[in-house]
């Protein structure tokens, strides 16, 4: 009986949705740092994309990437 209950719980859990975001969208850098990079166009630059996504995610609107 315990085995059937365990199987049922595993199946239910496999199809359950988790709508909580994995990570809060926020900047790691301070406001001045992120705003200066945004003003200089680094948010859109492919060369700076990784750095901006890591440090200034909210300011650069990179939360969905």
C-alpha atoms as a PDB file:
ATOM      1  CA  UNK A   1       0.000   0.000   0.000  1.00  0.00           C
ATOM      2  CA  UNK A   2       2.832   2.376   0.866  1.00  0.00           C
ATOM      3  CA  UNK A   3       4.392   1.692  -2.531  1.00  0.00           C
ATOM      4  CA  UNK A   4       1.201   2.749  -4.346  1.00  0.00           C
ATOM      5  CA  UNK A   5       0.962   5.918  -2.293  1.00  0.00           C
ATOM      6  CA  UNK A   6       4.590   6.735  -3.048  1.00  0.00           C
ATOM      7  CA  UNK A   7       4.064   6.170  -6.785  1.00  0.00           C
ATOM      8  CA  UNK A   8       0.963   8.356  -6.793  1.00  0.00           C
ATOM      9  CA  UNK A   9       2.807  11.168  -5.025  1.00  0.00           C
ATOM     10  CA  UNK A  10       5.700  10.971  -7.488  1.00  0.00           C
ATOM     11  CA  UNK A  11       3.346  11.135 -10.466  1.00  0.00           C
ATOM     12  CA  UNK A  12       1.416  14.075  -9.014  1.00  0.00           C
ATOM     13  CA  UNK A  13       4.654  15.904  -8.230  1.00  0.00           C
ATOM     14  CA  UNK A  14       5.977  15.326 -11.751  1.00  0.00           C
ATOM     15  CA  UNK A  15       3.065  17.254 -13.262  1.00  0.00           C
ATOM     16  CA  UNK A  16       2.779  19.974 -10.618  1.00  0.00           C
ATOM     17  CA  UNK A  17       3.624  23.490 -11.794  1.00  0.00           C
ATOM     18  CA  UNK A  18       6.009  25.718  -9.944  1.00  0.00           C
ATOM     19  CA  UNK A  19       5.296  29.325 -10.895  1.00  0.00           C
ATOM     20  CA  UNK A  20       7.872  30.875  -8.613  1.00  0.00           C
ATOM     21  CA  UNK A  21      10.696  32.636 -10.436  1.00  0.00           C
ATOM     22  CA  UNK A  22      14.106  31.045 -10.120  1.00  0.00           C
ATOM     23  CA  UNK A  23      15.866  34.278  -9.373  1.00  0.00           C
ATOM     24  CA  UNK A  24      14.693  37.742  -8.441  1.00  0.00           C
ATOM     25  CA  UNK A  25      15.356  40.314 -11.135  1.00  0.00           C
ATOM     26  CA  UNK A  26      17.700  42.834  -9.567  1.00  0.00           C
ATOM     27  CA  UNK A  27      20.985  44.575 -10.180  1.00  0.00           C
ATOM     28  CA  UNK A  28      24.132  43.405  -8.423  1.00  0.00           C
ATOM     29  CA  UNK A  29      25.893  46.658  -9.208  1.00  0.00           C
ATOM     30  CA  UNK A  30      24.851  49.895  -7.582  1.00  0.00           C
ATOM     31  CA  UNK A  31      22.477  52.306  -9.299  1.00  0.00           C
ATOM     32  CA  UNK A  32      25.193  54.713 -10.458  1.00  0.00           C
ATOM     33  CA  UNK A  33      27.263  51.895 -11.986  1.00  0.00           C
ATOM     34  CA  UNK A  34      24.356  50.388 -13.915  1.00  0.00           C
ATOM     35  CA  UNK A  35      22.913  53.695 -15.087  1.00  0.00           C
ATOM     36  CA  UNK A  36      26.288  54.830 -16.437  1.00  0.00           C
ATOM     37  CA  UNK A  37      26.684  51.595 -18.405  1.00  0.00           C
ATOM     38  CA  UNK A  38      23.150  51.891 -19.752  1.00  0.00           C
ATOM     39  CA  UNK A  39      23.736  55.506 -20.805  1.00  0.00           C
ATOM     40  CA  UNK A  40      26.891  54.498 -22.673  1.00  0.00           C
ATOM     41  CA  UNK A  41      25.003  51.792 -24.627  1.00  0.00           C
ATOM     42  CA  UNK A  42      26.655  48.775 -23.052  1.00  0.00           C
ATOM     43  CA  UNK A  43      23.307  47.101 -22.340  1.00  0.00           C
ATOM     44  CA  UNK A  44      22.800  46.571 -26.076  1.00  0.00           C
ATOM     45  CA  UNK A  45      26.432  45.750 -26.889  1.00  0.00           C
ATOM     46  CA  UNK A  46      27.170  42.091 -27.620  1.00  0.00           C
ATOM     47  CA  UNK A  47      30.656  42.572 -26.139  1.00  0.00           C
ATOM     48  CA  UNK A  48      29.195  43.575 -22.762  1.00  0.00           C
ATOM     49  CA  UNK A  49      26.029  41.435 -22.794  1.00  0.00           C
ATOM     50  CA  UNK A  50      27.315  38.843 -20.301  1.00  0.00           C
ATOM     51  CA  UNK A  51      28.624  41.478 -17.888  1.00  0.00           C
ATOM     52  CA  UNK A  52      25.429  43.508 -18.083  1.00  0.00           C
ATOM     53  CA  UNK A  53      23.257  40.423 -17.644  1.00  0.00           C
ATOM     54  CA  UNK A  54      25.266  39.492 -14.565  1.00  0.00           C
ATOM     55  CA  UNK A  55      25.582  42.899 -12.912  1.00  0.00           C
ATOM     56  CA  UNK A  56      22.795  45.139 -14.241  1.00  0.00           C
ATOM     57  CA  UNK A  57      20.001  42.765 -15.185  1.00  0.00           C
ATOM     58  CA  UNK A  58      17.115  44.991 -14.062  1.00  0.00           C
ATOM     59  CA  UNK A  59      18.487  48.297 -15.371  1.00  0.00           C
ATOM     60  CA  UNK A  60      19.260  46.783 -18.782  1.00  0.00           C
ATOM     61  CA  UNK A  61      15.880  44.968 -18.988  1.00  0.00           C
ATOM     62  CA  UNK A  62      17.582  41.575 -19.313  1.00  0.00           C
ATOM     63  CA  UNK A  63      15.419  39.710 -16.804  1.00  0.00           C
ATOM     64  CA  UNK A  64      13.762  37.444 -19.363  1.00  0.00           C
ATOM     65  CA  UNK A  65      16.972  36.314 -21.020  1.00  0.00           C
END
